C-alpha atoms as a PDB file:
ATOM      1  CA  UNK A   1      40.248 -37.790 260.828  1.00  0.00           C
ATOM      2  CA  UNK A   2      42.638 -39.713 263.055  1.00  0.00           C
ATOM      3  CA  UNK A   3      41.361 -42.851 264.792  1.00  0.00           C
ATOM      4  CA  UNK A   4      42.825 -41.410 268.000  1.00  0.00           C
ATOM      5  CA  UNK A   5      40.016 -38.846 268.021  1.00  0.00           C
ATOM      6  CA  UNK A   6      37.554 -41.670 268.640  1.00  0.00           C
ATOM      7  CA  UNK A   7      39.666 -43.722 271.043  1.00  0.00           C
ATOM      8  CA  UNK A   8      37.377 -43.308 274.074  1.00  0.00           C
ATOM      9  CA  UNK A   9      34.039 -44.213 272.417  1.00  0.00           C
ATOM     10  CA  UNK A  10      35.666 -47.181 270.673  1.00  0.00           C
ATOM     11  CA  UNK A  11      37.046 -48.444 273.992  1.00  0.00           C
ATOM     12  CA  UNK A  12      33.597 -48.018 275.549  1.00  0.00           C
ATOM     13  CA  UNK A  13      32.021 -49.917 272.653  1.00  0.00           C
ATOM     14  CA  UNK A  14      34.434 -52.824 273.203  1.00  0.00           C
ATOM     15  CA  UNK A  15      33.691 -52.842 276.953  1.00  0.00           C
ATOM     16  CA  UNK A  16      29.921 -52.921 276.304  1.00  0.00           C
ATOM     17  CA  UNK A  17      30.408 -55.679 273.753  1.00  0.00           C
ATOM     18  CA  UNK A  18      32.537 -57.661 276.222  1.00  0.00           C
ATOM     19  CA  UNK A  19      29.911 -57.204 278.953  1.00  0.00           C
ATOM     20  CA  UNK A  20      27.061 -58.448 276.766  1.00  0.00           C
ATOM     21  CA  UNK A  21      29.204 -61.310 275.484  1.00  0.00           C
ATOM     22  CA  UNK A  22      29.935 -62.369 279.069  1.00  0.00           C
ATOM     23  CA  UNK A  23      26.235 -62.224 279.963  1.00  0.00           C
ATOM     24  CA  UNK A  24      25.383 -64.172 276.820  1.00  0.00           C
ATOM     25  CA  UNK A  25      27.878 -66.920 277.722  1.00  0.00           C
ATOM     26  CA  UNK A  26      26.625 -67.149 281.329  1.00  0.00           C
ATOM     27  CA  UNK A  27      22.996 -67.371 280.212  1.00  0.00           C
ATOM     28  CA  UNK A  28      23.849 -69.945 277.534  1.00  0.00           C
ATOM     29  CA  UNK A  29      25.693 -72.137 280.022  1.00  0.00           C
ATOM     30  CA  UNK A  30      22.857 -71.865 282.545  1.00  0.00           C
ATOM     31  CA  UNK A  31      20.503 -73.225 279.895  1.00  0.00           C
ATOM     32  CA  UNK A  32      17.801 -70.598 280.337  1.00  0.00           C
ATOM     33  CA  UNK A  33      15.074 -70.294 277.730  1.00  0.00           C
ATOM     34  CA  UNK A  34      14.677 -67.173 275.606  1.00  0.00           C
ATOM     35  CA  UNK A  35      12.494 -64.251 276.645  1.00  0.00           C
ATOM     36  CA  UNK A  36      11.895 -62.502 273.285  1.00  0.00           C
ATOM     37  CA  UNK A  37       8.813 -63.848 271.546  1.00  0.00           C
ATOM     38  CA  UNK A  38      10.053 -63.034 268.030  1.00  0.00           C
ATOM     39  CA  UNK A  39      13.602 -64.343 268.578  1.00  0.00           C
ATOM     40  CA  UNK A  40      14.637 -67.062 266.076  1.00  0.00           C
ATOM     41  CA  UNK A  41      16.500 -69.010 268.797  1.00  0.00           C
ATOM     42  CA  UNK A  42      14.966 -69.979 272.141  1.00  0.00           C
ATOM     43  CA  UNK A  43      18.001 -69.129 274.256  1.00  0.00           C
ATOM     44  CA  UNK A  44      18.393 -66.444 276.929  1.00  0.00           C
ATOM     45  CA  UNK A  45      22.017 -65.804 276.018  1.00  0.00           C
ATOM     46  CA  UNK A  46      21.178 -65.247 272.353  1.00  0.00           C
ATOM     47  CA  UNK A  47      18.292 -62.932 273.268  1.00  0.00           C
ATOM     48  CA  UNK A  48      20.614 -60.807 275.426  1.00  0.00           C
ATOM     49  CA  UNK A  49      22.958 -60.345 272.492  1.00  0.00           C
ATOM     50  CA  UNK A  50      20.002 -59.731 270.163  1.00  0.00           C
ATOM     51  CA  UNK A  51      18.935 -56.793 272.330  1.00  0.00           C
ATOM     52  CA  UNK A  52      22.378 -55.218 271.903  1.00  0.00           C
ATOM     53  CA  UNK A  53      22.280 -55.797 268.149  1.00  0.00           C
ATOM     54  CA  UNK A  54      18.780 -54.313 267.799  1.00  0.00           C
ATOM     55  CA  UNK A  55      19.792 -51.279 269.874  1.00  0.00           C
ATOM     56  CA  UNK A  56      22.846 -50.608 267.692  1.00  0.00           C
ATOM     57  CA  UNK A  57      20.880 -50.984 264.448  1.00  0.00           C
ATOM     58  CA  UNK A  58      18.036 -48.841 265.771  1.00  0.00           C
ATOM     59  CA  UNK A  59      20.451 -46.152 266.976  1.00  0.00           C
ATOM     60  CA  UNK A  60      22.433 -46.159 263.719  1.00  0.00           C
ATOM     61  CA  UNK A  61      19.264 -45.620 261.670  1.00  0.00           C
ATOM     62  CA  UNK A  62      17.620 -43.119 264.004  1.00  0.00           C
ATOM     63  CA  UNK A  63      20.736 -41.165 264.896  1.00  0.00           C
ATOM     64  CA  UNK A  64      21.524 -39.788 261.426  1.00  0.00           C
ATOM     65  CA  UNK A  65      19.048 -40.379 258.605  1.00  0.00           C
ATOM     66  CA  UNK A  66      15.928 -38.729 260.140  1.00  0.00           C
ATOM     67  CA  UNK A  67      17.892 -35.531 260.695  1.00  0.00           C
ATOM     68  CA  UNK A  68      18.009 -34.959 256.939  1.00  0.00           C
ATOM     69  CA  UNK A  69      14.193 -34.892 256.906  1.00  0.00           C
ATOM     70  CA  UNK A  70      13.141 -33.547 260.291  1.00  0.00           C
ATOM     71  CA  UNK A  71      15.920 -30.956 260.614  1.00  0.00           C
ATOM     72  CA  UNK A  72      14.646 -28.874 257.658  1.00  0.00           C
ATOM     73  CA  UNK A  73      11.049 -29.571 258.716  1.00  0.00           C
ATOM     74  CA  UNK A  74      11.644 -28.177 262.209  1.00  0.00           C
ATOM     75  CA  UNK A  75      13.337 -25.130 260.721  1.00  0.00           C
ATOM     76  CA  UNK A  76      10.312 -24.459 258.486  1.00  0.00           C
ATOM     77  CA  UNK A  77       7.897 -24.864 261.416  1.00  0.00           C
ATOM     78  CA  UNK A  78       9.978 -22.576 263.620  1.00  0.00           C
ATOM     79  CA  UNK A  79      10.373 -19.858 260.977  1.00  0.00           C
ATOM     80  CA  UNK A  80       6.687 -19.701 260.055  1.00  0.00           C
ATOM     81  CA  UNK A  81       5.285 -19.941 263.576  1.00  0.00           C
ATOM     82  CA  UNK A  82       7.523 -18.604 266.349  1.00  0.00           C
ATOM     83  CA  UNK A  83       9.796 -16.787 263.919  1.00  0.00           C
ATOM     84  CA  UNK A  84       7.240 -14.761 261.969  1.00  0.00           C
ATOM     85  CA  UNK A  85       8.574 -11.513 263.470  1.00  0.00           C
ATOM     86  CA  UNK A  86      12.146 -12.692 263.955  1.00  0.00           C
ATOM     87  CA  UNK A  87      15.358 -12.133 261.990  1.00  0.00           C
ATOM     88  CA  UNK A  88      17.492 -15.161 261.144  1.00  0.00           C
ATOM     89  CA  UNK A  89      21.151 -15.674 260.403  1.00  0.00           C
ATOM     90  CA  UNK A  90      23.861 -18.331 260.319  1.00  0.00           C
ATOM     91  CA  UNK A  91      26.517 -18.315 263.001  1.00  0.00           C
ATOM     92  CA  UNK A  92      29.937 -19.741 262.360  1.00  0.00           C
ATOM     93  CA  UNK A  93      30.404 -22.942 264.387  1.00  0.00           C
ATOM     94  CA  UNK A  94      33.712 -24.772 264.212  1.00  0.00           C
ATOM     95  CA  UNK A  95      34.071 -28.431 265.018  1.00  0.00           C
ATOM     96  CA  UNK A  96      35.798 -28.968 268.366  1.00  0.00           C
ATOM     97  CA  UNK A  97      39.329 -30.321 268.287  1.00  0.00           C
ATOM     98  CA  UNK A  98      38.430 -33.121 270.715  1.00  0.00           C
ATOM     99  CA  UNK A  99      35.574 -35.585 270.362  1.00  0.00           C
ATOM    100  CA  UNK A 100      32.940 -34.853 273.044  1.00  0.00           C
ATOM    101  CA  UNK A 101      30.059 -37.104 272.092  1.00  0.00           C
ATOM    102  CA  UNK A 102      30.329 -39.873 274.678  1.00  0.00           C
ATOM    103  CA  UNK A 103      27.522 -38.564 276.925  1.00  0.00           C
ATOM    104  CA  UNK A 104      25.554 -36.818 274.174  1.00  0.00           C
ATOM    105  CA  UNK A 105      23.067 -39.667 274.157  1.00  0.00           C
ATOM    106  CA  UNK A 106      22.072 -39.301 277.820  1.00  0.00           C
ATOM    107  CA  UNK A 107      18.889 -37.255 277.279  1.00  0.00           C
ATOM    108  CA  UNK A 108      17.749 -39.287 274.246  1.00  0.00           C
ATOM    109  CA  UNK A 109      18.156 -42.360 276.457  1.00  0.00           C
ATOM    110  CA  UNK A 110      16.041 -40.710 279.172  1.00  0.00           C
ATOM    111  CA  UNK A 111      13.353 -40.094 276.576  1.00  0.00           C
ATOM    112  CA  UNK A 112      13.576 -43.757 275.539  1.00  0.00           C
ATOM    113  CA  UNK A 113      13.190 -44.828 279.179  1.00  0.00           C
ATOM    114  CA  UNK A 114      10.185 -42.536 279.538  1.00  0.00           C
ATOM    115  CA  UNK A 115       8.356 -43.987 276.536  1.00  0.00           C
ATOM    116  CA  UNK A 116       9.382 -47.591 277.277  1.00  0.00           C
ATOM    117  CA  UNK A 117       8.132 -47.324 280.872  1.00  0.00           C
ATOM    118  CA  UNK A 118       4.704 -46.190 279.685  1.00  0.00           C
ATOM    119  CA  UNK A 119       4.367 -48.822 276.952  1.00  0.00           C
ATOM    120  CA  UNK A 120       5.700 -51.722 279.038  1.00  0.00           C
ATOM    121  CA  UNK A 121       2.666 -51.468 281.344  1.00  0.00           C
ATOM    122  CA  UNK A 122       0.404 -52.611 278.504  1.00  0.00           C
ATOM    123  CA  UNK A 123      -0.455 -56.286 279.071  1.00  0.00           C
ATOM    124  CA  UNK A 124      -1.208 -56.911 275.382  1.00  0.00           C
ATOM    125  CA  UNK A 125       2.194 -55.528 274.421  1.00  0.00           C
ATOM    126  CA  UNK A 126       3.866 -57.636 277.101  1.00  0.00           C
ATOM    127  CA  UNK A 127       2.317 -60.775 275.645  1.00  0.00           C
ATOM    128  CA  UNK A 128       3.363 -59.761 272.134  1.00  0.00           C
ATOM    129  CA  UNK A 129       6.979 -59.081 273.095  1.00  0.00           C
ATOM    130  CA  UNK A 130       7.664 -61.821 275.652  1.00  0.00           C
ATOM    131  CA  UNK A 131       4.802 -64.249 275.009  1.00  0.00           C
ATOM    132  CA  UNK A 132       3.436 -64.062 278.551  1.00  0.00           C
ATOM    133  CA  UNK A 133       2.187 -61.721 281.263  1.00  0.00           C
ATOM    134  CA  UNK A 134       3.474 -62.235 284.799  1.00  0.00           C
ATOM    135  CA  UNK A 135       5.523 -60.478 287.493  1.00  0.00           C
ATOM    136  CA  UNK A 136       8.605 -60.487 285.256  1.00  0.00           C
ATOM    137  CA  UNK A 137       6.885 -59.591 281.961  1.00  0.00           C
ATOM    138  CA  UNK A 138       6.954 -55.809 282.344  1.00  0.00           C
ATOM    139  CA  UNK A 139      10.679 -55.810 283.117  1.00  0.00           C
ATOM    140  CA  UNK A 140      11.421 -57.996 280.086  1.00  0.00           C
ATOM    141  CA  UNK A 141       9.100 -55.999 277.814  1.00  0.00           C
ATOM    142  CA  UNK A 142      10.719 -52.788 279.028  1.00  0.00           C
ATOM    143  CA  UNK A 143      14.171 -54.123 278.163  1.00  0.00           C
ATOM    144  CA  UNK A 144      13.066 -55.101 274.648  1.00  0.00           C
ATOM    145  CA  UNK A 145      11.309 -51.776 274.112  1.00  0.00           C
ATOM    146  CA  UNK A 146      14.465 -49.888 275.060  1.00  0.00           C
ATOM    147  CA  UNK A 147      16.395 -51.491 272.212  1.00  0.00           C
ATOM    148  CA  UNK A 148      13.547 -50.905 269.742  1.00  0.00           C
ATOM    149  CA  UNK A 149      12.746 -47.300 270.705  1.00  0.00           C
ATOM    150  CA  UNK A 150      16.238 -45.868 271.160  1.00  0.00           C
ATOM    151  CA  UNK A 151      16.373 -45.099 267.438  1.00  0.00           C
ATOM    152  CA  UNK A 152      13.109 -43.151 267.609  1.00  0.00           C
ATOM    153  CA  UNK A 153      14.380 -40.966 270.455  1.00  0.00           C
ATOM    154  CA  UNK A 154      17.671 -40.368 268.674  1.00  0.00           C
ATOM    155  CA  UNK A 155      15.712 -39.456 265.520  1.00  0.00           C
ATOM    156  CA  UNK A 156      13.966 -36.621 267.358  1.00  0.00           C
ATOM    157  CA  UNK A 157      17.227 -35.296 268.795  1.00  0.00           C
ATOM    158  CA  UNK A 158      19.034 -35.828 265.482  1.00  0.00           C
ATOM    159  CA  UNK A 159      16.931 -33.106 263.861  1.00  0.00           C
ATOM    160  CA  UNK A 160      17.951 -30.710 266.640  1.00  0.00           C
ATOM    161  CA  UNK A 161      21.631 -31.627 266.284  1.00  0.00           C
ATOM    162  CA  UNK A 162      21.421 -30.772 262.578  1.00  0.00           C
ATOM    163  CA  UNK A 163      20.176 -27.275 263.456  1.00  0.00           C
ATOM    164  CA  UNK A 164      22.788 -26.845 266.200  1.00  0.00           C
ATOM    165  CA  UNK A 165      25.634 -27.891 263.918  1.00  0.00           C
ATOM    166  CA  UNK A 166      24.266 -25.670 261.152  1.00  0.00           C
ATOM    167  CA  UNK A 167      24.498 -22.628 263.425  1.00  0.00           C
ATOM    168  CA  UNK A 168      20.987 -21.335 262.601  1.00  0.00           C
ATOM    169  CA  UNK A 169      20.236 -18.412 264.932  1.00  0.00           C
ATOM    170  CA  UNK A 170      17.468 -15.828 265.263  1.00  0.00           C
ATOM    171  CA  UNK A 171      16.882 -12.570 267.110  1.00  0.00           C
ATOM    172  CA  UNK A 172      13.766 -10.832 268.408  1.00  0.00           C
ATOM    173  CA  UNK A 173      15.219  -7.374 267.674  1.00  0.00           C
ATOM    174  CA  UNK A 174      12.418  -6.410 265.293  1.00  0.00           C
ATOM    175  CA  UNK A 175       9.726  -7.747 267.637  1.00  0.00           C
ATOM    176  CA  UNK A 176      10.903  -5.784 270.693  1.00  0.00           C
ATOM    177  CA  UNK A 177      11.946  -2.641 268.815  1.00  0.00           C
ATOM    178  CA  UNK A 178       9.277  -0.441 270.435  1.00  0.00           C
ATOM    179  CA  UNK A 179       9.131  -2.211 273.803  1.00  0.00           C
ATOM    180  CA  UNK A 180      11.207  -2.479 276.973  1.00  0.00           C
ATOM    181  CA  UNK A 181      11.981  -6.164 276.439  1.00  0.00           C
ATOM    182  CA  UNK A 182      15.656  -6.984 275.858  1.00  0.00           C
ATOM    183  CA  UNK A 183      17.050  -8.010 272.484  1.00  0.00           C
ATOM    184  CA  UNK A 184      17.894 -11.731 272.463  1.00  0.00           C
ATOM    185  CA  UNK A 185      19.770 -13.984 270.083  1.00  0.00           C
ATOM    186  CA  UNK A 186      19.053 -17.706 270.242  1.00  0.00           C
ATOM    187  CA  UNK A 187      19.899 -20.789 268.264  1.00  0.00           C
ATOM    188  CA  UNK A 188      16.913 -22.524 266.666  1.00  0.00           C
ATOM    189  CA  UNK A 189      18.451 -25.865 267.643  1.00  0.00           C
ATOM    190  CA  UNK A 190      19.189 -24.711 271.204  1.00  0.00           C
ATOM    191  CA  UNK A 191      15.580 -23.680 271.783  1.00  0.00           C
ATOM    192  CA  UNK A 192      14.299 -27.067 270.647  1.00  0.00           C
ATOM    193  CA  UNK A 193      17.076 -28.870 272.516  1.00  0.00           C
ATOM    194  CA  UNK A 194      15.995 -27.360 275.838  1.00  0.00           C
ATOM    195  CA  UNK A 195      12.400 -28.296 275.052  1.00  0.00           C
ATOM    196  CA  UNK A 196      13.298 -31.953 274.408  1.00  0.00           C
ATOM    197  CA  UNK A 197      15.514 -32.129 277.489  1.00  0.00           C
ATOM    198  CA  UNK A 198      12.620 -30.824 279.542  1.00  0.00           C
ATOM    199  CA  UNK A 199      10.363 -33.565 278.197  1.00  0.00           C
ATOM    200  CA  UNK A 200      12.946 -36.309 278.736  1.00  0.00           C
ATOM    201  CA  UNK A 201      13.568 -35.062 282.266  1.00  0.00           C
ATOM    202  CA  UNK A 202      15.666 -36.470 285.075  1.00  0.00           C
ATOM    203  CA  UNK A 203      12.410 -37.313 286.893  1.00  0.00           C
ATOM    204  CA  UNK A 204      11.977 -40.393 284.687  1.00  0.00           C
ATOM    205  CA  UNK A 205      14.886 -41.971 286.581  1.00  0.00           C
ATOM    206  CA  UNK A 206      12.887 -41.824 289.821  1.00  0.00           C
ATOM    207  CA  UNK A 207      10.000 -43.690 288.152  1.00  0.00           C
ATOM    208  CA  UNK A 208      12.434 -46.195 286.708  1.00  0.00           C
ATOM    209  CA  UNK A 209      14.133 -46.947 290.019  1.00  0.00           C
ATOM    210  CA  UNK A 210      10.785 -47.094 291.804  1.00  0.00           C
ATOM    211  CA  UNK A 211       9.600 -49.851 289.443  1.00  0.00           C
ATOM    212  CA  UNK A 212      13.007 -51.519 289.644  1.00  0.00           C
ATOM    213  CA  UNK A 213      12.981 -51.669 293.448  1.00  0.00           C
ATOM    214  CA  UNK A 214       9.449 -53.051 293.426  1.00  0.00           C
ATOM    215  CA  UNK A 215      10.509 -55.832 291.085  1.00  0.00           C
ATOM    216  CA  UNK A 216      13.620 -56.664 293.121  1.00  0.00           C
ATOM    217  CA  UNK A 217      11.562 -56.896 296.319  1.00  0.00           C
ATOM    218  CA  UNK A 218       9.117 -59.237 294.556  1.00  0.00           C
ATOM    219  CA  UNK A 219      11.943 -61.477 293.367  1.00  0.00           C
ATOM    220  CA  UNK A 220      13.603 -61.549 296.769  1.00  0.00           C
ATOM    221  CA  UNK A 221      10.284 -62.624 298.243  1.00  0.00           C
ATOM    222  CA  UNK A 222      10.475 -65.845 296.209  1.00  0.00           C
ATOM    223  CA  UNK A 223      13.503 -67.001 298.185  1.00  0.00           C
ATOM    224  CA  UNK A 224      16.204 -68.656 296.039  1.00  0.00           C
ATOM    225  CA  UNK A 225      17.263 -66.516 293.078  1.00  0.00           C
ATOM    226  CA  UNK A 226      18.061 -67.777 289.587  1.00  0.00           C
ATOM    227  CA  UNK A 227      21.289 -66.624 287.935  1.00  0.00           C
ATOM    228  CA  UNK A 228      19.331 -64.533 285.426  1.00  0.00           C
ATOM    229  CA  UNK A 229      17.645 -62.650 288.274  1.00  0.00           C
ATOM    230  CA  UNK A 230      20.978 -62.052 290.009  1.00  0.00           C
ATOM    231  CA  UNK A 231      22.474 -60.587 286.819  1.00  0.00           C
ATOM    232  CA  UNK A 232      19.339 -58.479 286.417  1.00  0.00           C
ATOM    233  CA  UNK A 233      19.647 -57.057 289.947  1.00  0.00           C
ATOM    234  CA  UNK A 234      23.323 -56.210 289.330  1.00  0.00           C
ATOM    235  CA  UNK A 235      23.026 -54.653 285.858  1.00  0.00           C
ATOM    236  CA  UNK A 236      19.648 -52.934 285.765  1.00  0.00           C
ATOM    237  CA  UNK A 237      20.468 -50.087 288.195  1.00  0.00           C
ATOM    238  CA  UNK A 238      23.229 -49.183 285.720  1.00  0.00           C
ATOM    239  CA  UNK A 239      21.008 -49.336 282.628  1.00  0.00           C
ATOM    240  CA  UNK A 240      20.722 -45.546 282.024  1.00  0.00           C
ATOM    241  CA  UNK A 241      24.514 -45.256 281.858  1.00  0.00           C
ATOM    242  CA  UNK A 242      24.959 -48.556 279.995  1.00  0.00           C
ATOM    243  CA  UNK A 243      22.536 -47.495 277.270  1.00  0.00           C
ATOM    244  CA  UNK A 244      24.228 -44.100 277.028  1.00  0.00           C
ATOM    245  CA  UNK A 245      27.517 -45.906 276.436  1.00  0.00           C
ATOM    246  CA  UNK A 246      25.857 -48.364 274.049  1.00  0.00           C
ATOM    247  CA  UNK A 247      24.799 -45.595 271.653  1.00  0.00           C
ATOM    248  CA  UNK A 248      28.012 -43.536 271.977  1.00  0.00           C
ATOM    249  CA  UNK A 249      29.550 -45.061 268.788  1.00  0.00           C
ATOM    250  CA  UNK A 250      26.691 -43.478 266.812  1.00  0.00           C
ATOM    251  CA  UNK A 251      28.126 -40.078 267.640  1.00  0.00           C
ATOM    252  CA  UNK A 252      31.300 -41.059 265.844  1.00  0.00           C
ATOM    253  CA  UNK A 253      29.210 -41.190 262.657  1.00  0.00           C
ATOM    254  CA  UNK A 254      27.640 -37.836 263.506  1.00  0.00           C
ATOM    255  CA  UNK A 255      31.076 -36.369 264.093  1.00  0.00           C
ATOM    256  CA  UNK A 256      32.444 -37.761 260.827  1.00  0.00           C
ATOM    257  CA  UNK A 257      29.498 -36.310 258.867  1.00  0.00           C
ATOM    258  CA  UNK A 258      29.611 -32.920 260.620  1.00  0.00           C
ATOM    259  CA  UNK A 259      30.709 -30.859 257.607  1.00  0.00           C
ATOM    260  CA  UNK A 260      28.256 -32.559 255.243  1.00  0.00           C
ATOM    261  CA  UNK A 261      25.322 -32.116 257.632  1.00  0.00           C
ATOM    262  CA  UNK A 262      26.273 -28.499 258.307  1.00  0.00           C
ATOM    263  CA  UNK A 263      26.425 -27.704 254.581  1.00  0.00           C
ATOM    264  CA  UNK A 264      23.136 -29.533 253.978  1.00  0.00           C
ATOM    265  CA  UNK A 265      21.106 -27.629 256.578  1.00  0.00           C
ATOM    266  CA  UNK A 266      22.650 -24.275 255.618  1.00  0.00           C
ATOM    267  CA  UNK A 267      21.748 -24.815 251.952  1.00  0.00           C
ATOM    268  CA  UNK A 268      18.164 -25.546 252.965  1.00  0.00           C
ATOM    269  CA  UNK A 269      18.143 -22.475 255.202  1.00  0.00           C
ATOM    270  CA  UNK A 270      19.211 -20.378 252.211  1.00  0.00           C
ATOM    271  CA  UNK A 271      16.031 -21.461 250.414  1.00  0.00           C
ATOM    272  CA  UNK A 272      14.060 -19.913 253.284  1.00  0.00           C
ATOM    273  CA  UNK A 273      15.953 -16.639 252.938  1.00  0.00           C
ATOM    274  CA  UNK A 274      18.402 -17.425 255.746  1.00  0.00           C
ATOM    275  CA  UNK A 275      21.565 -16.905 253.784  1.00  0.00           C
ATOM    276  CA  UNK A 276      23.700 -14.348 255.548  1.00  0.00           C
ATOM    277  CA  UNK A 277      24.718 -12.745 258.833  1.00  0.00           C
ATOM    278  CA  UNK A 278      22.389 -10.791 261.072  1.00  0.00           C
ATOM    279  CA  UNK A 279      22.706  -7.034 260.732  1.00  0.00           C
ATOM    280  CA  UNK A 280      24.409  -4.629 263.097  1.00  0.00           C
ATOM    281  CA  UNK A 281      24.368  -3.643 265.910  1.00  0.00           C
ATOM    282  CA  UNK A 282      24.370  -7.247 267.151  1.00  0.00           C
ATOM    283  CA  UNK A 283      27.880  -7.690 265.757  1.00  0.00           C
ATOM    284  CA  UNK A 284      27.806 -11.479 265.702  1.00  0.00           C
ATOM    285  CA  UNK A 285      30.454 -13.537 263.949  1.00  0.00           C
ATOM    286  CA  UNK A 286      28.088 -14.826 261.302  1.00  0.00           C
ATOM    287  CA  UNK A 287      28.818 -16.197 257.871  1.00  0.00           C
ATOM    288  CA  UNK A 288      26.905 -16.533 254.634  1.00  0.00           C
ATOM    289  CA  UNK A 289      26.040 -19.907 253.131  1.00  0.00           C
ATOM    290  CA  UNK A 290      27.024 -18.628 249.657  1.00  0.00           C
END
């Protein structure tokens, strides 16, 4: 595929890299000590860059590999629980001509924020991650947890993306045959996608900004602000979008492996008896995996 297809996410990646590099340089010049307990270098600038590096590694691992395991697993669970009285098929899904994965990581990032917010309240975990427990510890622990947990959230969504790209669909036609309920056709991946989006939820942003404003008010109450606190106040309101942009390059890898992942999940589906189109009268444009 042409590099032009991925022009936008690559530009975003360079902007994010430039932003973190600038922050790293400012922190290094200011001489601030590190805030990550397990960091090999006691320097705030290095720790800022380390967070970016950990997030990219975590996202790269969680964004693709788990899908090969959890995608088939979710399909098995769906077929032998919800789908016991359902009919399955494989719908033809063509890869879009333009790359549209820049904001695909938004809901996985919301899930990461949700989990990180809950865990960062734990004092023991704060001490483990930042080596201390004070007014600033939860904010620092939260930031570290974001970079560590983003791969886990992407891993959960990765399994769903496998099913979506594989075009696995099912219908309740047999179940509602003798009832007044309408016949429906749904994608297995779509059903799970809505479920995960509901869990991630926009409401987590309200909790995030509530904690953020409380921290900012505490810091302002101290009077003079350090440069690290000023940068924090400027950048943290933008963190949901920044992290979405940070993981956008991972979707280049997903896009490049689209055909392989699609073939993989369809071959597994064939082992479960999902190997051809649904029957008439649904008249869907479905294809066989054979």
